[in-house]
Amino acid sequence: LAQAVVYLACAAKSNAVYTAFKQAIHTVKNGGTLPVPEHLRNAPTALAKQMGHGKNYRYAHDEPGAFAAGATYFPNELGELEYYQPVERGLEIKIKQKLDYLRALNQSAAPKA
């Protein structure tokens, strides 16, 4: 237990996740009710499938690098939002590099569902 306390006390600190969470909650509270994009809707019945629910859904685990480049997840009215802004400390340096890489993949991908 003492080792865990020392490790946490010495670890790089960041409130980036907390800040991102607050921004996301603000969007939800002030954004009103928006429809879930069709491709993300569950289609457990034939009727739901007929209505287009789940059509063109891309399962990220089946995609190259397990990332569905170009896929969208927010309602059209919101566009693409980025809440999490990693700081230049500790593990978040590597997280930022990964997010920059994924962002570049998204930008180079043809628009998809």
PDB file of N, CA and C in Angstrom:
ATOM      1  N   LEU A   1       0.832  -1.189   0.000  1.00  0.00           N
ATOM      2  CA  LEU A   1       0.000   0.000   0.000  1.00  0.00           C
ATOM      3  C   LEU A   1       0.875   1.251   0.000  1.00  0.00           C
ATOM      4  N   ALA A   2       1.942   1.222   0.784  1.00  0.00           N
ATOM      5  CA  ALA A   2       2.834   2.382   0.852  1.00  0.00           C
ATOM      6  C   ALA A   2       3.463   2.659  -0.506  1.00  0.00           C
ATOM      7  N   GLN A   3       3.837   1.603  -1.239  1.00  0.00           N
ATOM      8  CA  GLN A   3       4.424   1.794  -2.563  1.00  0.00           C
ATOM      9  C   GLN A   3       3.424   2.446  -3.513  1.00  0.00           C
ATOM     10  N   ALA A   4       2.172   2.046  -3.423  1.00  0.00           N
ATOM     11  CA  ALA A   4       1.140   2.643  -4.274  1.00  0.00           C
ATOM     12  C   ALA A   4       0.974   4.127  -3.954  1.00  0.00           C
ATOM     13  N   VAL A   5       1.011   4.473  -2.683  1.00  0.00           N
ATOM     14  CA  VAL A   5       0.880   5.874  -2.271  1.00  0.00           C
ATOM     15  C   VAL A   5       2.042   6.694  -2.810  1.00  0.00           C
ATOM     16  N   VAL A   6       3.261   6.174  -2.685  1.00  0.00           N
ATOM     17  CA  VAL A   6       4.438   6.893  -3.183  1.00  0.00           C
ATOM     18  C   VAL A   6       4.363   7.033  -4.698  1.00  0.00           C
ATOM     19  N   TYR A   7       3.977   5.960  -5.391  1.00  0.00           N
ATOM     20  CA  TYR A   7       3.865   6.014  -6.848  1.00  0.00           C
ATOM     21  C   TYR A   7       2.874   7.097  -7.272  1.00  0.00           C
ATOM     22  N   LEU A   8       1.708   7.096  -6.676  1.00  0.00           N
ATOM     23  CA  LEU A   8       0.683   8.082  -7.033  1.00  0.00           C
ATOM     24  C   LEU A   8       1.114   9.501  -6.672  1.00  0.00           C
ATOM     25  N   ALA A   9       1.796   9.646  -5.567  1.00  0.00           N
ATOM     26  CA  ALA A   9       2.261  10.973  -5.159  1.00  0.00           C
ATOM     27  C   ALA A   9       3.288  11.529  -6.140  1.00  0.00           C
ATOM     28  N   CYS A  10       4.077  10.644  -6.751  1.00  0.00           N
ATOM     29  CA  CYS A  10       5.134  11.076  -7.674  1.00  0.00           C
ATOM     30  C   CYS A  10       4.690  11.104  -9.133  1.00  0.00           C
ATOM     31  N   ALA A  11       3.532  10.554  -9.431  1.00  0.00           N
ATOM     32  CA  ALA A  11       3.057  10.486 -10.821  1.00  0.00           C
ATOM     33  C   ALA A  11       2.723  11.877 -11.348  1.00  0.00           C
ATOM     34  N   ALA A  12       2.886  12.039 -12.662  1.00  0.00           N
ATOM     35  CA  ALA A  12       2.521  13.305 -13.308  1.00  0.00           C
ATOM     36  C   ALA A  12       1.033  13.571 -13.080  1.00  0.00           C
ATOM     37  N   LYS A  13       0.694  14.801 -12.817  1.00  0.00           N
ATOM     38  CA  LYS A  13      -0.693  15.165 -12.511  1.00  0.00           C
ATOM     39  C   LYS A  13      -1.340  15.880 -13.691  1.00  0.00           C
ATOM     40  N   SER A  14      -2.631  15.640 -13.852  1.00  0.00           N
ATOM     41  CA  SER A  14      -3.393  16.296 -14.907  1.00  0.00           C
ATOM     42  C   SER A  14      -4.863  16.289 -14.535  1.00  0.00           C
ATOM     43  N   ASN A  15      -5.545  17.360 -14.903  1.00  0.00           N
ATOM     44  CA  ASN A  15      -6.998  17.388 -14.736  1.00  0.00           C
ATOM     45  C   ASN A  15      -7.686  17.381 -16.102  1.00  0.00           C
ATOM     46  N   ALA A  16      -6.972  16.916 -17.135  1.00  0.00           N
ATOM     47  CA  ALA A  16      -7.513  16.939 -18.496  1.00  0.00           C
ATOM     48  C   ALA A  16      -8.780  16.096 -18.621  1.00  0.00           C
ATOM     49  N   VAL A  17      -8.811  14.936 -17.990  1.00  0.00           N
ATOM     50  CA  VAL A  17     -10.006  14.093 -18.062  1.00  0.00           C
ATOM     51  C   VAL A  17     -11.162  14.765 -17.330  1.00  0.00           C
ATOM     52  N   TYR A  18     -10.891  15.326 -16.179  1.00  0.00           N
ATOM     53  CA  TYR A  18     -11.919  16.028 -15.414  1.00  0.00           C
ATOM     54  C   TYR A  18     -12.494  17.190 -16.230  1.00  0.00           C
ATOM     55  N   THR A  19     -11.624  17.965 -16.858  1.00  0.00           N
ATOM     56  CA  THR A  19     -12.062  19.095 -17.681  1.00  0.00           C
ATOM     57  C   THR A  19     -12.897  18.612 -18.861  1.00  0.00           C
ATOM     58  N   ALA A  20     -12.457  17.537 -19.511  1.00  0.00           N
ATOM     59  CA  ALA A  20     -13.201  16.979 -20.644  1.00  0.00           C
ATOM     60  C   ALA A  20     -14.580  16.503 -20.202  1.00  0.00           C
ATOM     61  N   PHE A  21     -14.634  15.835 -19.064  1.00  0.00           N
ATOM     62  CA  PHE A  21     -15.905  15.341 -18.543  1.00  0.00           C
ATOM     63  C   PHE A  21     -16.864  16.494 -18.277  1.00  0.00           C
ATOM     64  N   LYS A  22     -16.363  17.567 -17.670  1.00  0.00           N
ATOM     65  CA  LYS A  22     -17.211  18.735 -17.402  1.00  0.00           C
ATOM     66  C   LYS A  22     -17.745  19.331 -18.703  1.00  0.00           C
ATOM     67  N   GLN A  23     -16.907  19.412 -19.731  1.00  0.00           N
ATOM     68  CA  GLN A  23     -17.348  19.955 -21.020  1.00  0.00           C
ATOM     69  C   GLN A  23     -18.415  19.064 -21.652  1.00  0.00           C
ATOM     70  N   ALA A  24     -18.220  17.753 -21.560  1.00  0.00           N
ATOM     71  CA  ALA A  24     -19.199  16.823 -22.132  1.00  0.00           C
ATOM     72  C   ALA A  24     -20.544  16.942 -21.414  1.00  0.00           C
ATOM     73  N   ILE A  25     -20.510  17.022 -20.105  1.00  0.00           N
ATOM     74  CA  ILE A  25     -21.746  17.190 -19.330  1.00  0.00           C
ATOM     75  C   ILE A  25     -22.430  18.497 -19.712  1.00  0.00           C
ATOM     76  N   HIS A  26     -21.665  19.551 -19.896  1.00  0.00           N
ATOM     77  CA  HIS A  26     -22.222  20.839 -20.304  1.00  0.00           C
ATOM     78  C   HIS A  26     -22.924  20.708 -21.656  1.00  0.00           C
ATOM     79  N   THR A  27     -22.313  20.012 -22.603  1.00  0.00           N
ATOM     80  CA  THR A  27     -22.924  19.808 -23.918  1.00  0.00           C
ATOM     81  C   THR A  27     -24.251  19.078 -23.782  1.00  0.00           C
ATOM     82  N   VAL A  28     -24.266  18.033 -22.970  1.00  0.00           N
ATOM     83  CA  VAL A  28     -25.489  17.239 -22.797  1.00  0.00           C
ATOM     84  C   VAL A  28     -26.586  18.072 -22.143  1.00  0.00           C
ATOM     85  N   LYS A  29     -26.236  18.796 -21.100  1.00  0.00           N
ATOM     86  CA  LYS A  29     -27.241  19.585 -20.379  1.00  0.00           C
ATOM     87  C   LYS A  29     -27.792  20.732 -21.211  1.00  0.00           C
ATOM     88  N   ASN A  30     -26.975  21.319 -22.072  1.00  0.00           N
ATOM     89  CA  ASN A  30     -27.393  22.500 -22.822  1.00  0.00           C
ATOM     90  C   ASN A  30     -27.713  22.227 -24.283  1.00  0.00           C
ATOM     91  N   GLY A  31     -27.511  21.005 -24.733  1.00  0.00           N
ATOM     92  CA  GLY A  31     -27.692  20.697 -26.146  1.00  0.00           C
ATOM     93  C   GLY A  31     -29.080  20.234 -26.520  1.00  0.00           C
ATOM     94  N   GLY A  32     -29.912  20.011 -25.550  1.00  0.00           N
ATOM     95  CA  GLY A  32     -31.236  19.504 -25.866  1.00  0.00           C
ATOM     96  C   GLY A  32     -31.168  18.036 -26.262  1.00  0.00           C
ATOM     97  N   THR A  33     -32.275  17.536 -26.751  1.00  0.00           N
ATOM     98  CA  THR A  33     -32.347  16.145 -27.170  1.00  0.00           C
ATOM     99  C   THR A  33     -32.026  16.059 -28.647  1.00  0.00           C
ATOM    100  N   LEU A  34     -31.006  15.296 -28.973  1.00  0.00           N
ATOM    101  CA  LEU A  34     -30.593  15.136 -30.364  1.00  0.00           C
ATOM    102  C   LEU A  34     -30.676  13.665 -30.739  1.00  0.00           C
ATOM    103  N   PRO A  35     -30.990  13.384 -32.000  1.00  0.00           N
ATOM    104  CA  PRO A  35     -31.128  11.982 -32.407  1.00  0.00           C
ATOM    105  C   PRO A  35     -29.779  11.268 -32.480  1.00  0.00           C
ATOM    106  N   VAL A  36     -29.789  10.002 -32.109  1.00  0.00           N
ATOM    107  CA  VAL A  36     -28.607   9.158 -32.266  1.00  0.00           C
ATOM    108  C   VAL A  36     -28.428   8.905 -33.761  1.00  0.00           C
ATOM    109  N   PRO A  37     -27.218   9.030 -34.291  1.00  0.00           N
ATOM    110  CA  PRO A  37     -27.005   8.753 -35.714  1.00  0.00           C
ATOM    111  C   PRO A  37     -27.514   7.353 -36.082  1.00  0.00           C
ATOM    112  N   GLU A  38     -28.118   7.237 -37.255  1.00  0.00           N
ATOM    113  CA  GLU A  38     -28.744   5.980 -37.692  1.00  0.00           C
ATOM    114  C   GLU A  38     -27.802   4.787 -37.583  1.00  0.00           C
ATOM    115  N   HIS A  39     -26.555   4.962 -37.998  1.00  0.00           N
ATOM    116  CA  HIS A  39     -25.643   3.816 -38.024  1.00  0.00           C
ATOM    117  C   HIS A  39     -25.268   3.321 -36.628  1.00  0.00           C
ATOM    118  N   LEU A  40     -25.536   4.112 -35.595  1.00  0.00           N
ATOM    119  CA  LEU A  40     -25.238   3.697 -34.225  1.00  0.00           C
ATOM    120  C   LEU A  40     -26.448   3.117 -33.505  1.00  0.00           C
ATOM    121  N   ARG A  41     -27.598   3.179 -34.141  1.00  0.00           N
ATOM    122  CA  ARG A  41     -28.811   2.679 -33.493  1.00  0.00           C
ATOM    123  C   ARG A  41     -28.866   1.159 -33.546  1.00  0.00           C
ATOM    124  N   ASN A  42     -29.339   0.583 -32.467  1.00  0.00           N
ATOM    125  CA  ASN A  42     -29.487  -0.858 -32.372  1.00  0.00           C
ATOM    126  C   ASN A  42     -30.591  -1.325 -33.322  1.00  0.00           C
ATOM    127  N   ALA A  43     -30.386  -2.472 -33.938  1.00  0.00           N
ATOM    128  CA  ALA A  43     -31.388  -3.009 -34.861  1.00  0.00           C
ATOM    129  C   ALA A  43     -31.716  -4.453 -34.483  1.00  0.00           C
ATOM    130  N   PRO A  44     -32.409  -4.649 -33.361  1.00  0.00           N
ATOM    131  CA  PRO A  44     -32.697  -6.013 -32.910  1.00  0.00           C
ATOM    132  C   PRO A  44     -33.866  -6.671 -33.639  1.00  0.00           C
ATOM    133  N   THR A  45     -34.613  -5.889 -34.417  1.00  0.00           N
ATOM    134  CA  THR A  45     -35.781  -6.439 -35.107  1.00  0.00           C
ATOM    135  C   THR A  45     -35.705  -6.132 -36.595  1.00  0.00           C
ATOM    136  N   ALA A  46     -36.507  -6.850 -37.359  1.00  0.00           N
ATOM    137  CA  ALA A  46     -36.564  -6.617 -38.806  1.00  0.00           C
ATOM    138  C   ALA A  46     -37.047  -5.195 -39.092  1.00  0.00           C
ATOM    139  N   LEU A  47     -37.999  -4.709 -38.309  1.00  0.00           N
ATOM    140  CA  LEU A  47     -38.513  -3.353 -38.515  1.00  0.00           C
ATOM    141  C   LEU A  47     -37.405  -2.316 -38.307  1.00  0.00           C
ATOM    142  N   ALA A  48     -36.628  -2.480 -37.253  1.00  0.00           N
ATOM    143  CA  ALA A  48     -35.536  -1.538 -36.993  1.00  0.00           C
ATOM    144  C   ALA A  48     -34.534  -1.558 -38.141  1.00  0.00           C
ATOM    145  N   LYS A  49     -34.253  -2.736 -38.671  1.00  0.00           N
ATOM    146  CA  LYS A  49     -33.331  -2.840 -39.812  1.00  0.00           C
ATOM    147  C   LYS A  49     -33.928  -2.168 -41.040  1.00  0.00           C
ATOM    148  N   GLN A  50     -35.233  -2.368 -41.259  1.00  0.00           N
ATOM    149  CA  GLN A  50     -35.930  -1.723 -42.385  1.00  0.00           C
ATOM    150  C   GLN A  50     -35.852  -0.206 -42.279  1.00  0.00           C
ATOM    151  N   MET A  51     -35.870   0.289 -41.065  1.00  0.00           N
ATOM    152  CA  MET A  51     -35.822   1.733 -40.840  1.00  0.00           C
ATOM    153  C   MET A  51     -34.405   2.286 -40.992  1.00  0.00           C
ATOM    154  N   GLY A  52     -33.439   1.406 -41.220  1.00  0.00           N
ATOM    155  CA  GLY A  52     -32.064   1.852 -41.439  1.00  0.00           C
ATOM    156  C   GLY A  52     -31.197   1.872 -40.199  1.00  0.00           C
ATOM    157  N   HIS A  53     -31.745   1.400 -39.084  1.00  0.00           N
ATOM    158  CA  HIS A  53     -30.947   1.387 -37.862  1.00  0.00           C
ATOM    159  C   HIS A  53     -29.767   0.442 -38.038  1.00  0.00           C
ATOM    160  N   GLY A  54     -28.592   0.911 -37.682  1.00  0.00           N
ATOM    161  CA  GLY A  54     -27.393   0.088 -37.756  1.00  0.00           C
ATOM    162  C   GLY A  54     -26.788  -0.044 -39.142  1.00  0.00           C
ATOM    163  N   LYS A  55     -27.440   0.521 -40.160  1.00  0.00           N
ATOM    164  CA  LYS A  55     -26.925   0.408 -41.525  1.00  0.00           C
ATOM    165  C   LYS A  55     -25.600   1.165 -41.627  1.00  0.00           C
ATOM    166  N   ASN A  56     -24.635   0.562 -42.264  1.00  0.00           N
ATOM    167  CA  ASN A  56     -23.293   1.128 -42.462  1.00  0.00           C
ATOM    168  C   ASN A  56     -22.495   1.267 -41.169  1.00  0.00           C
ATOM    169  N   TYR A  57     -22.921   0.571 -40.124  1.00  0.00           N
ATOM    170  CA  TYR A  57     -22.128   0.586 -38.892  1.00  0.00           C
ATOM    171  C   TYR A  57     -20.808  -0.129 -39.150  1.00  0.00           C
ATOM    172  N   ARG A  58     -19.738   0.447 -38.665  1.00  0.00           N
ATOM    173  CA  ARG A  58     -18.407  -0.145 -38.831  1.00  0.00           C
ATOM    174  C   ARG A  58     -17.877  -0.559 -37.461  1.00  0.00           C
ATOM    175  N   TYR A  59     -17.671  -1.844 -37.303  1.00  0.00           N
ATOM    176  CA  TYR A  59     -17.152  -2.398 -36.049  1.00  0.00           C
ATOM    177  C   TYR A  59     -15.652  -2.152 -36.024  1.00  0.00           C
ATOM    178  N   ALA A  60     -15.216  -1.261 -35.147  1.00  0.00           N
ATOM    179  CA  ALA A  60     -13.814  -0.826 -35.133  1.00  0.00           C
ATOM    180  C   ALA A  60     -12.836  -1.991 -35.015  1.00  0.00           C
ATOM    181  N   HIS A  61     -13.203  -3.038 -34.294  1.00  0.00           N
ATOM    182  CA  HIS A  61     -12.288  -4.168 -34.110  1.00  0.00           C
ATOM    183  C   HIS A  61     -12.021  -4.919 -35.409  1.00  0.00           C
ATOM    184  N   ASP A  62     -12.879  -4.745 -36.402  1.00  0.00           N
ATOM    185  CA  ASP A  62     -12.672  -5.382 -37.704  1.00  0.00           C
ATOM    186  C   ASP A  62     -11.937  -4.478 -38.683  1.00  0.00           C
ATOM    187  N   GLU A  63     -11.628  -3.283 -38.281  1.00  0.00           N
ATOM    188  CA  GLU A  63     -10.968  -2.303 -39.148  1.00  0.00           C
ATOM    189  C   GLU A  63      -9.452  -2.361 -38.953  1.00  0.00           C
ATOM    190  N   PRO A  64      -8.692  -1.883 -39.945  1.00  0.00           N
ATOM    191  CA  PRO A  64      -7.232  -1.830 -39.777  1.00  0.00           C
ATOM    192  C   PRO A  64      -6.858  -1.028 -38.531  1.00  0.00           C
ATOM    193  N   GLY A  65      -6.007  -1.597 -37.706  1.00  0.00           N
ATOM    194  CA  GLY A  65      -5.595  -0.918 -36.484  1.00  0.00           C
ATOM    195  C   GLY A  65      -6.706  -0.807 -35.457  1.00  0.00           C
ATOM    196  N   ALA A  66      -7.800  -1.532 -35.663  1.00  0.00           N
ATOM    197  CA  ALA A  66      -8.963  -1.489 -34.764  1.00  0.00           C
ATOM    198  C   ALA A  66      -9.483  -0.067 -34.591  1.00  0.00           C
ATOM    199  N   PHE A  67      -9.475   0.695 -35.700  1.00  0.00           N
ATOM    200  CA  PHE A  67      -9.941   2.085 -35.682  1.00  0.00           C
ATOM    201  C   PHE A  67     -10.721   2.358 -36.961  1.00  0.00           C
ATOM    202  N   ALA A  68     -11.976   2.758 -36.823  1.00  0.00           N
ATOM    203  CA  ALA A  68     -12.839   3.048 -37.972  1.00  0.00           C
ATOM    204  C   ALA A  68     -12.605   4.486 -38.430  1.00  0.00           C
ATOM    205  N   ALA A  69     -11.520   4.682 -39.169  1.00  0.00           N
ATOM    206  CA  ALA A  69     -11.151   6.029 -39.626  1.00  0.00           C
ATOM    207  C   ALA A  69     -12.275   6.645 -40.445  1.00  0.00           C
ATOM    208  N   GLY A  70     -12.609   7.873 -40.138  1.00  0.00           N
ATOM    209  CA  GLY A  70     -13.646   8.597 -40.860  1.00  0.00           C
ATOM    210  C   GLY A  70     -15.047   8.383 -40.321  1.00  0.00           C
ATOM    211  N   ALA A  71     -15.209   7.442 -39.395  1.00  0.00           N
ATOM    212  CA  ALA A  71     -16.540   7.197 -38.832  1.00  0.00           C
ATOM    213  C   ALA A  71     -16.930   8.358 -37.918  1.00  0.00           C
ATOM    214  N   THR A  72     -18.215   8.634 -37.841  1.00  0.00           N
ATOM    215  CA  THR A  72     -18.719   9.703 -36.979  1.00  0.00           C
ATOM    216  C   THR A  72     -19.588   9.104 -35.876  1.00  0.00           C
ATOM    217  N   TYR A  73     -19.595   9.763 -34.742  1.00  0.00           N
ATOM    218  CA  TYR A  73     -20.325   9.228 -33.596  1.00  0.00           C
ATOM    219  C   TYR A  73     -21.235  10.244 -32.922  1.00  0.00           C
ATOM    220  N   PHE A  74     -21.067  11.502 -33.222  1.00  0.00           N
ATOM    221  CA  PHE A  74     -21.915  12.534 -32.637  1.00  0.00           C
ATOM    222  C   PHE A  74     -23.101  12.815 -33.554  1.00  0.00           C
ATOM    223  N   PRO A  75     -24.209  13.320 -33.001  1.00  0.00           N
ATOM    224  CA  PRO A  75     -25.312  13.754 -33.856  1.00  0.00           C
ATOM    225  C   PRO A  75     -24.823  14.815 -34.845  1.00  0.00           C
ATOM    226  N   ASN A  76     -25.402  14.826 -36.035  1.00  0.00           N
ATOM    227  CA  ASN A  76     -24.990  15.784 -37.073  1.00  0.00           C
ATOM    228  C   ASN A  76     -25.043  17.222 -36.581  1.00  0.00           C
ATOM    229  N   GLU A  77     -26.017  17.523 -35.722  1.00  0.00           N
ATOM    230  CA  GLU A  77     -26.177  18.891 -35.227  1.00  0.00           C
ATOM    231  C   GLU A  77     -24.980  19.356 -34.393  1.00  0.00           C
ATOM    232  N   LEU A  78     -24.258  18.425 -33.822  1.00  0.00           N
ATOM    233  CA  LEU A  78     -23.101  18.784 -33.001  1.00  0.00           C
ATOM    234  C   LEU A  78     -21.801  18.821 -33.794  1.00  0.00           C
ATOM    235  N   GLY A  79     -21.749  18.086 -34.876  1.00  0.00           N
ATOM    236  CA  GLY A  79     -20.481  17.969 -35.588  1.00  0.00           C
ATOM    237  C   GLY A  79     -19.524  17.114 -34.779  1.00  0.00           C
ATOM    238  N   GLU A  80     -18.256  17.200 -35.096  1.00  0.00           N
ATOM    239  CA  GLU A  80     -17.253  16.440 -34.342  1.00  0.00           C
ATOM    240  C   GLU A  80     -16.709  17.311 -33.216  1.00  0.00           C
ATOM    241  N   LEU A  81     -16.782  16.809 -32.028  1.00  0.00           N
ATOM    242  CA  LEU A  81     -16.302  17.544 -30.857  1.00  0.00           C
ATOM    243  C   LEU A  81     -15.086  16.842 -30.272  1.00  0.00           C
ATOM    244  N   GLU A  82     -14.191  17.618 -29.716  1.00  0.00           N
ATOM    245  CA  GLU A  82     -13.031  17.060 -29.026  1.00  0.00           C
ATOM    246  C   GLU A  82     -13.002  17.644 -27.625  1.00  0.00           C
ATOM    247  N   TYR A  83     -13.254  16.800 -26.662  1.00  0.00           N
ATOM    248  CA  TYR A  83     -13.280  17.255 -25.279  1.00  0.00           C
ATOM    249  C   TYR A  83     -11.925  17.084 -24.598  1.00  0.00           C
ATOM    250  N   TYR A  84     -11.311  15.954 -24.811  1.00  0.00           N
ATOM    251  CA  TYR A  84     -10.079  15.632 -24.081  1.00  0.00           C
ATOM    252  C   TYR A  84      -8.874  16.278 -24.743  1.00  0.00           C
ATOM    253  N   GLN A  85      -8.178  17.108 -23.999  1.00  0.00           N
ATOM    254  CA  GLN A  85      -6.956  17.772 -24.461  1.00  0.00           C
ATOM    255  C   GLN A  85      -5.830  17.374 -23.507  1.00  0.00           C
ATOM    256  N   PRO A  86      -5.052  16.345 -23.869  1.00  0.00           N
ATOM    257  CA  PRO A  86      -4.004  15.889 -22.955  1.00  0.00           C
ATOM    258  C   PRO A  86      -2.939  16.952 -22.722  1.00  0.00           C
ATOM    259  N   VAL A  87      -2.387  16.944 -21.537  1.00  0.00           N
ATOM    260  CA  VAL A  87      -1.315  17.882 -21.195  1.00  0.00           C
ATOM    261  C   VAL A  87       0.026  17.298 -21.632  1.00  0.00           C
ATOM    262  N   GLU A  88       1.045  18.127 -21.642  1.00  0.00           N
ATOM    263  CA  GLU A  88       2.388  17.701 -22.061  1.00  0.00           C
ATOM    264  C   GLU A  88       3.194  17.193 -20.864  1.00  0.00           C
ATOM    265  N   ARG A  89       2.609  16.237 -20.138  1.00  0.00           N
ATOM    266  CA  ARG A  89       3.290  15.653 -18.981  1.00  0.00           C
ATOM    267  C   ARG A  89       2.961  14.174 -18.901  1.00  0.00           C
ATOM    268  N   GLY A  90       3.924  13.415 -18.410  1.00  0.00           N
ATOM    269  CA  GLY A  90       3.698  12.007 -18.117  1.00  0.00           C
ATOM    270  C   GLY A  90       3.146  11.232 -19.301  1.00  0.00           C
ATOM    271  N   LEU A  91       2.304  10.268 -19.006  1.00  0.00           N
ATOM    272  CA  LEU A  91       1.723   9.397 -20.021  1.00  0.00           C
ATOM    273  C   LEU A  91       0.902  10.169 -21.045  1.00  0.00           C
ATOM    274  N   GLU A  92       0.386  11.322 -20.668  1.00  0.00           N
ATOM    275  CA  GLU A  92      -0.454  12.085 -21.594  1.00  0.00           C
ATOM    276  C   GLU A  92       0.318  12.566 -22.817  1.00  0.00           C
ATOM    277  N   ILE A  93       1.640  12.617 -22.743  1.00  0.00           N
ATOM    278  CA  ILE A  93       2.436  12.948 -23.930  1.00  0.00           C
ATOM    279  C   ILE A  93       2.221  11.868 -24.987  1.00  0.00           C
ATOM    280  N   LYS A  94       2.291  10.601 -24.571  1.00  0.00           N
ATOM    281  CA  LYS A  94       2.082   9.491 -25.516  1.00  0.00           C
ATOM    282  C   LYS A  94       0.624   9.422 -25.973  1.00  0.00           C
ATOM    283  N   ILE A  95      -0.289   9.704 -25.068  1.00  0.00           N
ATOM    284  CA  ILE A  95      -1.705   9.709 -25.438  1.00  0.00           C
ATOM    285  C   ILE A  95      -1.957  10.773 -26.503  1.00  0.00           C
ATOM    286  N   LYS A  96      -1.364  11.940 -26.342  1.00  0.00           N
ATOM    287  CA  LYS A  96      -1.516  13.012 -27.333  1.00  0.00           C
ATOM    288  C   LYS A  96      -0.965  12.578 -28.688  1.00  0.00           C
ATOM    289  N   GLN A  97       0.176  11.910 -28.696  1.00  0.00           N
ATOM    290  CA  GLN A  97       0.750  11.423 -29.951  1.00  0.00           C
ATOM    291  C   GLN A  97      -0.205  10.449 -30.633  1.00  0.00           C
ATOM    292  N   LYS A  98      -0.793   9.551 -29.860  1.00  0.00           N
ATOM    293  CA  LYS A  98      -1.743   8.576 -30.415  1.00  0.00           C
ATOM    294  C   LYS A  98      -2.986   9.290 -30.949  1.00  0.00           C
ATOM    295  N   LEU A  99      -3.500  10.249 -30.200  1.00  0.00           N
ATOM    296  CA  LEU A  99      -4.676  10.990 -30.657  1.00  0.00           C
ATOM    297  C   LEU A  99      -4.371  11.788 -31.922  1.00  0.00           C
ATOM    298  N   ASP A 100      -3.186  12.369 -32.014  1.00  0.00           N
ATOM    299  CA  ASP A 100      -2.785  13.091 -33.228  1.00  0.00           C
ATOM    300  C   ASP A 100      -2.740  12.142 -34.421  1.00  0.00           C
ATOM    301  N   TYR A 101      -2.216  10.939 -34.207  1.00  0.00           N
ATOM    302  CA  TYR A 101      -2.154   9.923 -35.262  1.00  0.00           C
ATOM    303  C   TYR A 101      -3.568   9.535 -35.717  1.00  0.00           C
ATOM    304  N   LEU A 102      -4.454   9.277 -34.767  1.00  0.00           N
ATOM    305  CA  LEU A 102      -5.830   8.897 -35.108  1.00  0.00           C
ATOM    306  C   LEU A 102      -6.563  10.045 -35.797  1.00  0.00           C
ATOM    307  N   ARG A 103      -6.307  11.266 -35.366  1.00  0.00           N
ATOM    308  CA  ARG A 103      -6.918  12.439 -35.996  1.00  0.00           C
ATOM    309  C   ARG A 103      -6.476  12.539 -37.461  1.00  0.00           C
ATOM    310  N   ALA A 104      -5.203  12.282 -37.719  1.00  0.00           N
ATOM    311  CA  ALA A 104      -4.695  12.313 -39.093  1.00  0.00           C
ATOM    312  C   ALA A 104      -5.348  11.221 -39.934  1.00  0.00           C
ATOM    313  N   LEU A 105      -5.549  10.042 -39.364  1.00  0.00           N
ATOM    314  CA  LEU A 105      -6.247   8.973 -40.084  1.00  0.00           C
ATOM    315  C   LEU A 105      -7.673   9.398 -40.424  1.00  0.00           C
ATOM    316  N   ASN A 106      -8.344  10.019 -39.462  1.00  0.00           N
ATOM    317  CA  ASN A 106      -9.709  10.500 -39.696  1.00  0.00           C
ATOM    318  C   ASN A 106      -9.752  11.511 -40.831  1.00  0.00           C
ATOM    319  N   GLN A 107      -8.813  12.437 -40.839  1.00  0.00           N
ATOM    320  CA  GLN A 107      -8.809  13.494 -41.850  1.00  0.00           C
ATOM    321  C   GLN A 107      -8.488  12.958 -43.239  1.00  0.00           C
ATOM    322  N   SER A 108      -7.701  11.891 -43.312  1.00  0.00           N
ATOM    323  CA  SER A 108      -7.334  11.351 -44.623  1.00  0.00           C
ATOM    324  C   SER A 108      -8.346  10.338 -45.138  1.00  0.00           C
ATOM    325  N   ALA A 109      -9.260   9.895 -44.283  1.00  0.00           N
ATOM    326  CA  ALA A 109     -10.258   8.900 -44.680  1.00  0.00           C
ATOM    327  C   ALA A 109     -11.380   9.552 -45.473  1.00  0.00           C
ATOM    328  N   ALA A 110     -11.894   8.791 -46.414  1.00  0.00           N
ATOM    329  CA  ALA A 110     -13.075   9.258 -47.145  1.00  0.00           C
ATOM    330  C   ALA A 110     -14.239   9.303 -46.169  1.00  0.00           C
ATOM    331  N   PRO A 111     -15.125  10.299 -46.288  1.00  0.00           N
ATOM    332  CA  PRO A 111     -16.277  10.361 -45.384  1.00  0.00           C
ATOM    333  C   PRO A 111     -17.090   9.076 -45.453  1.00  0.00           C
ATOM    334  N   LYS A 112     -17.379   8.521 -44.288  1.00  0.00           N
ATOM    335  CA  LYS A 112     -18.165   7.294 -44.194  1.00  0.00           C
ATOM    336  C   LYS A 112     -19.243   7.508 -43.162  1.00  0.00           C
ATOM    337  N   ALA A 113     -20.042   6.475 -42.947  1.00  0.00           N
ATOM    338  CA  ALA A 113     -21.159   6.557 -42.008  1.00  0.00           C
ATOM    339  C   ALA A 113     -20.758   7.055 -40.660  1.00  0.00           C
TER     340      ALA A 113
END
